[in-house]
């Protein structure tokens, strides 16, 4: 497969998952600001922008409208939903010869319907629409695409981005200290509330909810599940046959993160949850860089070979 095609598929997966994750995070926290009059709106908005990688906002009090403008509909801001959806469509255009017609039409239609402005009272409907469009794109790829190398690159991008987004969502738990979103709210934002109830059969507690979202092996949005899925994709793309351990840097980083989650224990992880979630985000960024260097060499030096005699 051409590296250009593989890179486009990888980033389609990441951007589609990013739009979904960002919509979920914003929906939770804007709803929290609406329902809790004691939360300091300016500090909560600044903390949320910081967690989402957008801490360069100018001075002055920030409001929910500023967050919506920056993280929802700003097509030029790299952390926004609109930017992710536009970028997914652009990458699909670059890989048009391998992207199915259904997926192309889905991403193209989504791109054309992104609003330029969004009223505060319309935010919940917009976030639900984004989640539905992301689910449609993912469903098309999973159900109407051969599960070959192209599908593995798409799934790898999704898995890396999902681990990052779940880590960001858990990091926002401590944004406003005691007034932060409840664990029930966080579970609902991940679509995990009913799955959690079937697993633990009780009201969400901090220990059980964090354990479910961090280390559950069967729930697709848990960080551990996403990391294991990314490892599986890398193994399928580039099987390792070395007898001296793992040589691939991306697989090594994922393995180290997985081991920490599996063996450190949930109590230890909860003692400093924001720091651990920041480490997960660092790992996902490093893994993405390692994948780019190995599979998508944008500045590869041409190597010339002479004629064979």
C-alpha atoms as a PDB file:
ATOM      1  CA  UNK A   1       0.000   0.000   0.000  1.00  0.00           C
ATOM      2  CA  UNK A   2       1.218   3.516  -0.809  1.00  0.00           C
ATOM      3  CA  UNK A   3       2.293   5.411   2.288  1.00  0.00           C
ATOM      4  CA  UNK A   4       0.123   8.339   1.153  1.00  0.00           C
ATOM      5  CA  UNK A   5      -2.978   6.143   1.182  1.00  0.00           C
ATOM      6  CA  UNK A   6      -2.093   4.518   4.500  1.00  0.00           C
ATOM      7  CA  UNK A   7      -1.505   7.911   6.097  1.00  0.00           C
ATOM      8  CA  UNK A   8      -4.847   9.256   4.855  1.00  0.00           C
ATOM      9  CA  UNK A   9      -6.721   6.232   6.228  1.00  0.00           C
ATOM     10  CA  UNK A  10      -4.922   6.518   9.553  1.00  0.00           C
ATOM     11  CA  UNK A  11      -5.922  10.168   9.877  1.00  0.00           C
ATOM     12  CA  UNK A  12      -9.493   9.603   8.728  1.00  0.00           C
ATOM     13  CA  UNK A  13      -9.811   7.200  11.644  1.00  0.00           C
ATOM     14  CA  UNK A  14      -8.247   9.674  14.050  1.00  0.00           C
ATOM     15  CA  UNK A  15     -10.262  12.679  12.928  1.00  0.00           C
ATOM     16  CA  UNK A  16     -13.601  10.857  12.930  1.00  0.00           C
ATOM     17  CA  UNK A  17     -12.906   9.553  16.431  1.00  0.00           C
ATOM     18  CA  UNK A  18     -11.692  12.988  17.532  1.00  0.00           C
ATOM     19  CA  UNK A  19     -14.903  14.667  16.413  1.00  0.00           C
ATOM     20  CA  UNK A  20     -16.923  12.115  18.375  1.00  0.00           C
ATOM     21  CA  UNK A  21     -14.769  12.386  21.508  1.00  0.00           C
ATOM     22  CA  UNK A  22     -14.684  16.187  21.481  1.00  0.00           C
ATOM     23  CA  UNK A  23     -18.468  16.327  21.080  1.00  0.00           C
ATOM     24  CA  UNK A  24     -18.893  14.039  24.095  1.00  0.00           C
ATOM     25  CA  UNK A  25     -16.522  16.044  26.292  1.00  0.00           C
ATOM     26  CA  UNK A  26     -18.068  19.391  25.379  1.00  0.00           C
ATOM     27  CA  UNK A  27     -21.605  18.086  25.837  1.00  0.00           C
ATOM     28  CA  UNK A  28     -20.819  16.909  29.377  1.00  0.00           C
ATOM     29  CA  UNK A  29     -19.098  20.057  30.533  1.00  0.00           C
ATOM     30  CA  UNK A  30     -21.370  22.621  28.945  1.00  0.00           C
ATOM     31  CA  UNK A  31     -24.315  20.816  30.489  1.00  0.00           C
ATOM     32  CA  UNK A  32     -22.528  20.887  33.848  1.00  0.00           C
ATOM     33  CA  UNK A  33     -22.008  24.651  33.568  1.00  0.00           C
ATOM     34  CA  UNK A  34     -25.669  25.067  32.753  1.00  0.00           C
ATOM     35  CA  UNK A  35     -26.908  23.009  35.708  1.00  0.00           C
ATOM     36  CA  UNK A  36     -24.474  24.104  38.449  1.00  0.00           C
ATOM     37  CA  UNK A  37     -24.697  27.850  39.248  1.00  0.00           C
ATOM     38  CA  UNK A  38     -21.777  27.632  41.688  1.00  0.00           C
ATOM     39  CA  UNK A  39     -19.171  26.729  39.090  1.00  0.00           C
ATOM     40  CA  UNK A  40     -16.890  29.612  38.093  1.00  0.00           C
ATOM     41  CA  UNK A  41     -17.564  29.747  34.356  1.00  0.00           C
ATOM     42  CA  UNK A  42     -14.339  31.499  33.394  1.00  0.00           C
ATOM     43  CA  UNK A  43     -11.997  29.097  35.238  1.00  0.00           C
ATOM     44  CA  UNK A  44     -13.975  26.040  34.121  1.00  0.00           C
ATOM     45  CA  UNK A  45     -13.849  27.176  30.477  1.00  0.00           C
ATOM     46  CA  UNK A  46     -10.115  27.890  30.651  1.00  0.00           C
ATOM     47  CA  UNK A  47      -9.414  24.506  32.242  1.00  0.00           C
ATOM     48  CA  UNK A  48     -11.495  22.752  29.592  1.00  0.00           C
ATOM     49  CA  UNK A  49      -9.693  24.577  26.767  1.00  0.00           C
ATOM     50  CA  UNK A  50      -6.370  23.622  28.355  1.00  0.00           C
ATOM     51  CA  UNK A  51      -7.280  19.933  28.569  1.00  0.00           C
ATOM     52  CA  UNK A  52      -8.315  20.020  24.913  1.00  0.00           C
ATOM     53  CA  UNK A  53      -4.960  21.504  23.935  1.00  0.00           C
ATOM     54  CA  UNK A  54      -6.211  25.055  23.392  1.00  0.00           C
ATOM     55  CA  UNK A  55      -4.730  27.143  26.195  1.00  0.00           C
ATOM     56  CA  UNK A  56      -3.694  30.109  24.045  1.00  0.00           C
ATOM     57  CA  UNK A  57      -6.966  32.010  24.451  1.00  0.00           C
ATOM     58  CA  UNK A  58      -6.561  35.776  25.068  1.00  0.00           C
ATOM     59  CA  UNK A  59      -7.341  37.411  28.400  1.00  0.00           C
ATOM     60  CA  UNK A  60     -10.778  38.390  29.589  1.00  0.00           C
ATOM     61  CA  UNK A  61     -13.585  36.329  31.037  1.00  0.00           C
ATOM     62  CA  UNK A  62     -14.461  33.273  28.999  1.00  0.00           C
ATOM     63  CA  UNK A  63     -18.007  31.998  28.548  1.00  0.00           C
ATOM     64  CA  UNK A  64     -19.702  28.915  27.155  1.00  0.00           C
ATOM     65  CA  UNK A  65     -20.166  30.775  23.877  1.00  0.00           C
ATOM     66  CA  UNK A  66     -16.376  31.210  23.587  1.00  0.00           C
ATOM     67  CA  UNK A  67     -15.815  27.495  24.148  1.00  0.00           C
ATOM     68  CA  UNK A  68     -18.430  26.621  21.517  1.00  0.00           C
ATOM     69  CA  UNK A  69     -16.923  29.045  19.037  1.00  0.00           C
ATOM     70  CA  UNK A  70     -13.396  27.682  19.597  1.00  0.00           C
ATOM     71  CA  UNK A  71     -13.918  23.948  20.044  1.00  0.00           C
ATOM     72  CA  UNK A  72     -17.093  23.315  18.042  1.00  0.00           C
ATOM     73  CA  UNK A  73     -17.381  25.352  14.841  1.00  0.00           C
ATOM     74  CA  UNK A  74     -14.004  27.038  14.261  1.00  0.00           C
ATOM     75  CA  UNK A  75     -12.775  25.375  11.060  1.00  0.00           C
ATOM     76  CA  UNK A  76      -9.236  26.741  11.548  1.00  0.00           C
ATOM     77  CA  UNK A  77      -8.666  25.626  15.147  1.00  0.00           C
ATOM     78  CA  UNK A  78      -6.912  22.247  15.283  1.00  0.00           C
ATOM     79  CA  UNK A  79      -8.794  21.115  18.417  1.00  0.00           C
ATOM     80  CA  UNK A  80     -12.290  21.855  17.101  1.00  0.00           C
ATOM     81  CA  UNK A  81     -14.968  19.463  15.891  1.00  0.00           C
ATOM     82  CA  UNK A  82     -15.338  21.346  12.602  1.00  0.00           C
ATOM     83  CA  UNK A  83     -11.584  21.118  11.914  1.00  0.00           C
ATOM     84  CA  UNK A  84     -11.638  17.356  12.554  1.00  0.00           C
ATOM     85  CA  UNK A  85     -14.582  16.760  10.218  1.00  0.00           C
ATOM     86  CA  UNK A  86     -13.126  18.959   7.469  1.00  0.00           C
ATOM     87  CA  UNK A  87      -9.757  17.188   7.812  1.00  0.00           C
ATOM     88  CA  UNK A  88     -11.391  13.745   7.658  1.00  0.00           C
ATOM     89  CA  UNK A  89     -13.089  14.721   4.408  1.00  0.00           C
ATOM     90  CA  UNK A  90      -9.843  16.133   2.982  1.00  0.00           C
ATOM     91  CA  UNK A  91      -7.953  12.926   3.786  1.00  0.00           C
ATOM     92  CA  UNK A  92     -10.746  10.928   2.153  1.00  0.00           C
ATOM     93  CA  UNK A  93     -10.305  13.055  -0.969  1.00  0.00           C
ATOM     94  CA  UNK A  94      -6.569  12.275  -0.998  1.00  0.00           C
ATOM     95  CA  UNK A  95      -7.315   8.550  -0.771  1.00  0.00           C
ATOM     96  CA  UNK A  96     -10.359   8.629  -3.043  1.00  0.00           C
ATOM     97  CA  UNK A  97      -9.162   5.672  -5.129  1.00  0.00           C
ATOM     98  CA  UNK A  98      -9.443   3.341  -2.124  1.00  0.00           C
ATOM     99  CA  UNK A  99     -12.149   5.017  -0.004  1.00  0.00           C
ATOM    100  CA  UNK A 100     -15.589   3.540  -0.682  1.00  0.00           C
ATOM    101  CA  UNK A 101     -18.270   5.686  -2.296  1.00  0.00           C
ATOM    102  CA  UNK A 102     -20.471   5.338   0.786  1.00  0.00           C
ATOM    103  CA  UNK A 103     -17.758   6.632   3.122  1.00  0.00           C
ATOM    104  CA  UNK A 104     -16.884   9.476   0.744  1.00  0.00           C
ATOM    105  CA  UNK A 105     -20.520  10.558   0.515  1.00  0.00           C
ATOM    106  CA  UNK A 106     -20.897  10.332   4.303  1.00  0.00           C
ATOM    107  CA  UNK A 107     -17.851  12.517   5.009  1.00  0.00           C
ATOM    108  CA  UNK A 108     -18.647  14.916   2.167  1.00  0.00           C
ATOM    109  CA  UNK A 109     -22.230  15.409   3.346  1.00  0.00           C
ATOM    110  CA  UNK A 110     -21.086  15.873   6.948  1.00  0.00           C
ATOM    111  CA  UNK A 111     -18.562  18.489   5.860  1.00  0.00           C
ATOM    112  CA  UNK A 112     -21.155  20.449   3.893  1.00  0.00           C
ATOM    113  CA  UNK A 113     -23.576  20.582   6.831  1.00  0.00           C
ATOM    114  CA  UNK A 114     -21.196  21.889   9.513  1.00  0.00           C
ATOM    115  CA  UNK A 115     -22.681  25.172  10.783  1.00  0.00           C
ATOM    116  CA  UNK A 116     -20.619  28.346  10.740  1.00  0.00           C
ATOM    117  CA  UNK A 117     -22.190  29.561  13.987  1.00  0.00           C
ATOM    118  CA  UNK A 118     -23.926  27.726  16.788  1.00  0.00           C
ATOM    119  CA  UNK A 119     -26.341  29.135  19.336  1.00  0.00           C
ATOM    120  CA  UNK A 120     -25.801  27.990  22.933  1.00  0.00           C
ATOM    121  CA  UNK A 121     -29.285  26.478  23.126  1.00  0.00           C
ATOM    122  CA  UNK A 122     -28.578  24.355  20.012  1.00  0.00           C
ATOM    123  CA  UNK A 123     -25.359  22.788  21.269  1.00  0.00           C
ATOM    124  CA  UNK A 124     -26.820  19.503  22.512  1.00  0.00           C
ATOM    125  CA  UNK A 125     -28.504  18.836  19.155  1.00  0.00           C
ATOM    126  CA  UNK A 126     -25.267  19.631  17.338  1.00  0.00           C
ATOM    127  CA  UNK A 127     -23.188  17.300  19.519  1.00  0.00           C
ATOM    128  CA  UNK A 128     -25.719  14.499  19.039  1.00  0.00           C
ATOM    129  CA  UNK A 129     -25.570  15.053  15.265  1.00  0.00           C
ATOM    130  CA  UNK A 130     -21.759  14.832  15.344  1.00  0.00           C
ATOM    131  CA  UNK A 131     -21.880  11.564  17.290  1.00  0.00           C
ATOM    132  CA  UNK A 132     -24.390  10.120  14.829  1.00  0.00           C
ATOM    133  CA  UNK A 133     -22.310  11.126  11.798  1.00  0.00           C
ATOM    134  CA  UNK A 134     -19.159   9.654  13.351  1.00  0.00           C
ATOM    135  CA  UNK A 135     -21.005   6.427  14.133  1.00  0.00           C
ATOM    136  CA  UNK A 136     -22.268   6.279  10.541  1.00  0.00           C
ATOM    137  CA  UNK A 137     -18.764   6.709   9.094  1.00  0.00           C
ATOM    138  CA  UNK A 138     -17.303   4.066  11.399  1.00  0.00           C
ATOM    139  CA  UNK A 139     -20.166   1.677  10.681  1.00  0.00           C
ATOM    140  CA  UNK A 140     -19.658   2.045   6.937  1.00  0.00           C
ATOM    141  CA  UNK A 141     -15.969   1.203   7.240  1.00  0.00           C
ATOM    142  CA  UNK A 142     -16.526  -1.764   9.556  1.00  0.00           C
ATOM    143  CA  UNK A 143     -19.417  -3.290   7.626  1.00  0.00           C
ATOM    144  CA  UNK A 144     -18.631  -2.468   3.999  1.00  0.00           C
ATOM    145  CA  UNK A 145     -14.834  -2.559   3.816  1.00  0.00           C
ATOM    146  CA  UNK A 146     -12.524  -5.549   3.582  1.00  0.00           C
ATOM    147  CA  UNK A 147     -10.671  -5.988   6.861  1.00  0.00           C
ATOM    148  CA  UNK A 148      -7.314  -5.802   5.171  1.00  0.00           C
ATOM    149  CA  UNK A 149      -4.301  -3.553   5.692  1.00  0.00           C
ATOM    150  CA  UNK A 150      -6.301  -0.443   4.807  1.00  0.00           C
ATOM    151  CA  UNK A 151      -8.864  -1.254   7.502  1.00  0.00           C
ATOM    152  CA  UNK A 152      -6.053  -1.889   9.996  1.00  0.00           C
ATOM    153  CA  UNK A 153      -4.617   1.605   9.456  1.00  0.00           C
ATOM    154  CA  UNK A 154      -8.077   3.140   9.891  1.00  0.00           C
ATOM    155  CA  UNK A 155      -8.657   1.123  13.069  1.00  0.00           C
ATOM    156  CA  UNK A 156      -5.189   1.980  14.380  1.00  0.00           C
ATOM    157  CA  UNK A 157      -5.937   5.687  14.069  1.00  0.00           C
ATOM    158  CA  UNK A 158      -9.278   5.234  15.826  1.00  0.00           C
ATOM    159  CA  UNK A 159      -7.763   3.223  18.684  1.00  0.00           C
ATOM    160  CA  UNK A 160      -4.990   5.742  19.354  1.00  0.00           C
ATOM    161  CA  UNK A 161      -7.402   8.664  19.256  1.00  0.00           C
ATOM    162  CA  UNK A 162      -9.973   6.919  21.453  1.00  0.00           C
ATOM    163  CA  UNK A 163      -7.373   6.215  24.153  1.00  0.00           C
ATOM    164  CA  UNK A 164      -6.365   9.881  24.025  1.00  0.00           C
ATOM    165  CA  UNK A 165      -9.962  11.152  24.172  1.00  0.00           C
ATOM    166  CA  UNK A 166     -10.950   8.900  27.082  1.00  0.00           C
ATOM    167  CA  UNK A 167      -7.853  10.083  28.941  1.00  0.00           C
ATOM    168  CA  UNK A 168      -8.838  13.710  28.308  1.00  0.00           C
ATOM    169  CA  UNK A 169     -12.374  13.033  29.517  1.00  0.00           C
ATOM    170  CA  UNK A 170     -11.098  11.446  32.728  1.00  0.00           C
ATOM    171  CA  UNK A 171      -8.661  14.327  33.214  1.00  0.00           C
ATOM    172  CA  UNK A 172     -11.567  16.766  33.160  1.00  0.00           C
ATOM    173  CA  UNK A 173     -12.973  15.003  36.244  1.00  0.00           C
ATOM    174  CA  UNK A 174     -10.797  17.240  38.431  1.00  0.00           C
ATOM    175  CA  UNK A 175     -11.110  20.473  36.437  1.00  0.00           C
ATOM    176  CA  UNK A 176     -13.317  22.223  38.946  1.00  0.00           C
ATOM    177  CA  UNK A 177     -12.518  20.070  41.987  1.00  0.00           C
ATOM    178  CA  UNK A 178     -15.681  19.190  43.911  1.00  0.00           C
ATOM    179  CA  UNK A 179     -17.908  20.766  41.250  1.00  0.00           C
ATOM    180  CA  UNK A 180     -16.550  18.611  38.473  1.00  0.00           C
ATOM    181  CA  UNK A 181     -18.762  16.201  36.539  1.00  0.00           C
ATOM    182  CA  UNK A 182     -19.942  13.170  38.488  1.00  0.00           C
ATOM    183  CA  UNK A 183     -18.789   9.699  37.552  1.00  0.00           C
ATOM    184  CA  UNK A 184     -22.327   8.965  36.395  1.00  0.00           C
ATOM    185  CA  UNK A 185     -22.111  11.913  34.000  1.00  0.00           C
ATOM    186  CA  UNK A 186     -18.737  10.768  32.687  1.00  0.00           C
ATOM    187  CA  UNK A 187     -20.024   7.245  32.141  1.00  0.00           C
ATOM    188  CA  UNK A 188     -23.031   8.587  30.247  1.00  0.00           C
ATOM    189  CA  UNK A 189     -20.804  10.763  28.072  1.00  0.00           C
ATOM    190  CA  UNK A 190     -18.884   7.646  27.005  1.00  0.00           C
ATOM    191  CA  UNK A 191     -22.044   5.702  26.349  1.00  0.00           C
ATOM    192  CA  UNK A 192     -20.841   3.461  29.157  1.00  0.00           C
ATOM    193  CA  UNK A 193     -23.515   3.905  31.818  1.00  0.00           C
ATOM    194  CA  UNK A 194     -25.703   0.924  30.911  1.00  0.00           C
ATOM    195  CA  UNK A 195     -22.692  -1.300  30.213  1.00  0.00           C
ATOM    196  CA  UNK A 196     -21.330  -0.297  33.632  1.00  0.00           C
ATOM    197  CA  UNK A 197     -24.607  -1.180  35.364  1.00  0.00           C
ATOM    198  CA  UNK A 198     -24.646  -4.605  33.718  1.00  0.00           C
ATOM    199  CA  UNK A 199     -21.078  -5.183  34.907  1.00  0.00           C
ATOM    200  CA  UNK A 200     -21.137  -3.801  38.472  1.00  0.00           C
ATOM    201  CA  UNK A 201     -24.895  -3.801  39.226  1.00  0.00           C
ATOM    202  CA  UNK A 202     -24.876  -0.744  41.441  1.00  0.00           C
ATOM    203  CA  UNK A 203     -24.645   3.026  41.670  1.00  0.00           C
ATOM    204  CA  UNK A 204     -21.369   4.245  40.136  1.00  0.00           C
ATOM    205  CA  UNK A 205     -18.578   4.727  42.646  1.00  0.00           C
ATOM    206  CA  UNK A 206     -15.282   6.445  41.967  1.00  0.00           C
ATOM    207  CA  UNK A 207     -13.291   3.205  42.206  1.00  0.00           C
ATOM    208  CA  UNK A 208     -15.564   1.088  40.010  1.00  0.00           C
ATOM    209  CA  UNK A 209     -16.278   3.758  37.387  1.00  0.00           C
ATOM    210  CA  UNK A 210     -12.592   4.606  36.995  1.00  0.00           C
ATOM    211  CA  UNK A 211     -11.725   0.913  36.843  1.00  0.00           C
ATOM    212  CA  UNK A 212     -14.321   0.380  34.115  1.00  0.00           C
ATOM    213  CA  UNK A 213     -13.093   3.267  31.930  1.00  0.00           C
ATOM    214  CA  UNK A 214      -9.410   2.620  32.538  1.00  0.00           C
ATOM    215  CA  UNK A 215      -8.883  -1.130  32.628  1.00  0.00           C
ATOM    216  CA  UNK A 216     -11.974  -2.996  31.387  1.00  0.00           C
ATOM    217  CA  UNK A 217     -10.936  -5.434  28.660  1.00  0.00           C
ATOM    218  CA  UNK A 218     -14.389  -5.778  27.095  1.00  0.00           C
ATOM    219  CA  UNK A 219     -15.698  -2.201  26.897  1.00  0.00           C
ATOM    220  CA  UNK A 220     -14.562  -0.551  23.620  1.00  0.00           C
ATOM    221  CA  UNK A 221     -14.067   2.923  25.083  1.00  0.00           C
ATOM    222  CA  UNK A 222     -11.831   1.902  27.970  1.00  0.00           C
ATOM    223  CA  UNK A 223      -8.228   3.011  27.655  1.00  0.00           C
ATOM    224  CA  UNK A 224      -6.886  -0.522  28.083  1.00  0.00           C
ATOM    225  CA  UNK A 225      -9.188  -1.884  25.345  1.00  0.00           C
ATOM    226  CA  UNK A 226      -8.063   0.885  22.971  1.00  0.00           C
ATOM    227  CA  UNK A 227      -4.381   0.273  23.657  1.00  0.00           C
ATOM    228  CA  UNK A 228      -4.759  -3.484  23.115  1.00  0.00           C
ATOM    229  CA  UNK A 229      -6.641  -2.805  19.867  1.00  0.00           C
ATOM    230  CA  UNK A 230      -3.844  -0.505  18.667  1.00  0.00           C
ATOM    231  CA  UNK A 231      -1.287  -3.215  19.448  1.00  0.00           C
ATOM    232  CA  UNK A 232      -3.317  -5.749  17.460  1.00  0.00           C
ATOM    233  CA  UNK A 233      -3.477  -3.402  14.471  1.00  0.00           C
ATOM    234  CA  UNK A 234       0.279  -2.799  14.515  1.00  0.00           C
ATOM    235  CA  UNK A 235       0.951  -6.532  14.789  1.00  0.00           C
ATOM    236  CA  UNK A 236      -1.310  -7.185  11.795  1.00  0.00           C
ATOM    237  CA  UNK A 237       0.311  -4.446   9.717  1.00  0.00           C
ATOM    238  CA  UNK A 238       3.898  -5.332  10.607  1.00  0.00           C
ATOM    239  CA  UNK A 239       4.261  -8.748  12.312  1.00  0.00           C
ATOM    240  CA  UNK A 240       7.224  -8.932  14.665  1.00  0.00           C
ATOM    241  CA  UNK A 241       9.263 -12.133  14.446  1.00  0.00           C
ATOM    242  CA  UNK A 242      12.293 -11.082  16.495  1.00  0.00           C
ATOM    243  CA  UNK A 243      13.489 -13.460  19.232  1.00  0.00           C
ATOM    244  CA  UNK A 244      14.806 -10.584  21.362  1.00  0.00           C
ATOM    245  CA  UNK A 245      11.607  -8.750  22.264  1.00  0.00           C
ATOM    246  CA  UNK A 246       9.774  -5.914  20.552  1.00  0.00           C
ATOM    247  CA  UNK A 247      11.878  -3.758  18.244  1.00  0.00           C
ATOM    248  CA  UNK A 248       9.109  -1.455  17.007  1.00  0.00           C
ATOM    249  CA  UNK A 249       9.035   1.754  19.069  1.00  0.00           C
ATOM    250  CA  UNK A 250       5.263   2.256  18.716  1.00  0.00           C
ATOM    251  CA  UNK A 251       4.518  -1.254  19.976  1.00  0.00           C
ATOM    252  CA  UNK A 252       7.014  -0.805  22.800  1.00  0.00           C
ATOM    253  CA  UNK A 253       5.333   2.418  23.969  1.00  0.00           C
ATOM    254  CA  UNK A 254       1.887   0.835  23.826  1.00  0.00           C
ATOM    255  CA  UNK A 255       3.119  -2.232  25.697  1.00  0.00           C
ATOM    256  CA  UNK A 256       4.596  -0.117  28.473  1.00  0.00           C
ATOM    257  CA  UNK A 257       1.355   1.861  28.842  1.00  0.00           C
ATOM    258  CA  UNK A 258      -0.703  -1.342  28.864  1.00  0.00           C
ATOM    259  CA  UNK A 259       1.522  -2.886  31.530  1.00  0.00           C
ATOM    260  CA  UNK A 260       1.141   0.177  33.742  1.00  0.00           C
ATOM    261  CA  UNK A 261      -2.648   0.016  33.513  1.00  0.00           C
ATOM    262  CA  UNK A 262      -2.760  -3.722  34.080  1.00  0.00           C
ATOM    263  CA  UNK A 263      -0.382  -4.036  37.024  1.00  0.00           C
ATOM    264  CA  UNK A 264      -0.263  -0.692  38.830  1.00  0.00           C
ATOM    265  CA  UNK A 265      -3.710  -1.081  40.372  1.00  0.00           C
ATOM    266  CA  UNK A 266      -6.709   1.221  40.220  1.00  0.00           C
ATOM    267  CA  UNK A 267      -6.120   2.728  43.667  1.00  0.00           C
ATOM    268  CA  UNK A 268      -2.643   3.843  42.653  1.00  0.00           C
ATOM    269  CA  UNK A 269      -3.957   5.274  39.379  1.00  0.00           C
ATOM    270  CA  UNK A 270      -6.676   7.229  41.196  1.00  0.00           C
ATOM    271  CA  UNK A 271      -4.183   8.778  43.631  1.00  0.00           C
ATOM    272  CA  UNK A 272      -2.976  11.061  40.848  1.00  0.00           C
ATOM    273  CA  UNK A 273      -5.425  10.585  38.024  1.00  0.00           C
ATOM    274  CA  UNK A 274      -4.705  13.826  36.086  1.00  0.00           C
ATOM    275  CA  UNK A 275      -0.982  13.031  35.914  1.00  0.00           C
ATOM    276  CA  UNK A 276      -1.598   9.478  34.740  1.00  0.00           C
ATOM    277  CA  UNK A 277      -4.036  10.711  32.099  1.00  0.00           C
ATOM    278  CA  UNK A 278      -1.477  13.240  30.908  1.00  0.00           C
ATOM    279  CA  UNK A 279       1.024  10.399  30.579  1.00  0.00           C
ATOM    280  CA  UNK A 280      -1.478   8.444  28.453  1.00  0.00           C
ATOM    281  CA  UNK A 281      -1.886  11.483  26.193  1.00  0.00           C
ATOM    282  CA  UNK A 282       1.900  11.738  25.893  1.00  0.00           C
ATOM    283  CA  UNK A 283       2.090   8.055  24.954  1.00  0.00           C
ATOM    284  CA  UNK A 284      -0.584   8.374  22.259  1.00  0.00           C
ATOM    285  CA  UNK A 285       1.222  11.386  20.790  1.00  0.00           C
ATOM    286  CA  UNK A 286       4.548   9.527  20.798  1.00  0.00           C
ATOM    287  CA  UNK A 287       2.969   6.429  19.245  1.00  0.00           C
ATOM    288  CA  UNK A 288       1.437   8.556  16.494  1.00  0.00           C
ATOM    289  CA  UNK A 289       4.851  10.097  15.790  1.00  0.00           C
ATOM    290  CA  UNK A 290       6.481   6.649  15.724  1.00  0.00           C
ATOM    291  CA  UNK A 291       3.854   5.350  13.287  1.00  0.00           C
ATOM    292  CA  UNK A 292       4.361   8.410  11.081  1.00  0.00           C
ATOM    293  CA  UNK A 293       8.136   7.977  10.995  1.00  0.00           C
ATOM    294  CA  UNK A 294       7.937   4.258  10.191  1.00  0.00           C
ATOM    295  CA  UNK A 295       5.031   4.093   7.745  1.00  0.00           C
ATOM    296  CA  UNK A 296       4.551   7.639   6.397  1.00  0.00           C
ATOM    297  CA  UNK A 297       8.033   9.020   5.652  1.00  0.00           C
ATOM    298  CA  UNK A 298       7.154  12.435   4.243  1.00  0.00           C
ATOM    299  CA  UNK A 299      10.786  13.455   3.841  1.00  0.00           C
ATOM    300  CA  UNK A 300      12.277  10.169   2.738  1.00  0.00           C
ATOM    301  CA  UNK A 301      15.605  10.497   0.956  1.00  0.00           C
ATOM    302  CA  UNK A 302      15.416   8.947  -2.529  1.00  0.00           C
ATOM    303  CA  UNK A 303      17.699   5.957  -3.001  1.00  0.00           C
ATOM    304  CA  UNK A 304      18.892   5.216  -6.511  1.00  0.00           C
ATOM    305  CA  UNK A 305      19.922   1.777  -7.650  1.00  0.00           C
ATOM    306  CA  UNK A 306      21.993   1.104 -10.682  1.00  0.00           C
ATOM    307  CA  UNK A 307      21.069  -1.189 -13.545  1.00  0.00           C
ATOM    308  CA  UNK A 308      21.454  -4.859 -12.881  1.00  0.00           C
ATOM    309  CA  UNK A 309      23.985  -6.422 -15.194  1.00  0.00           C
END
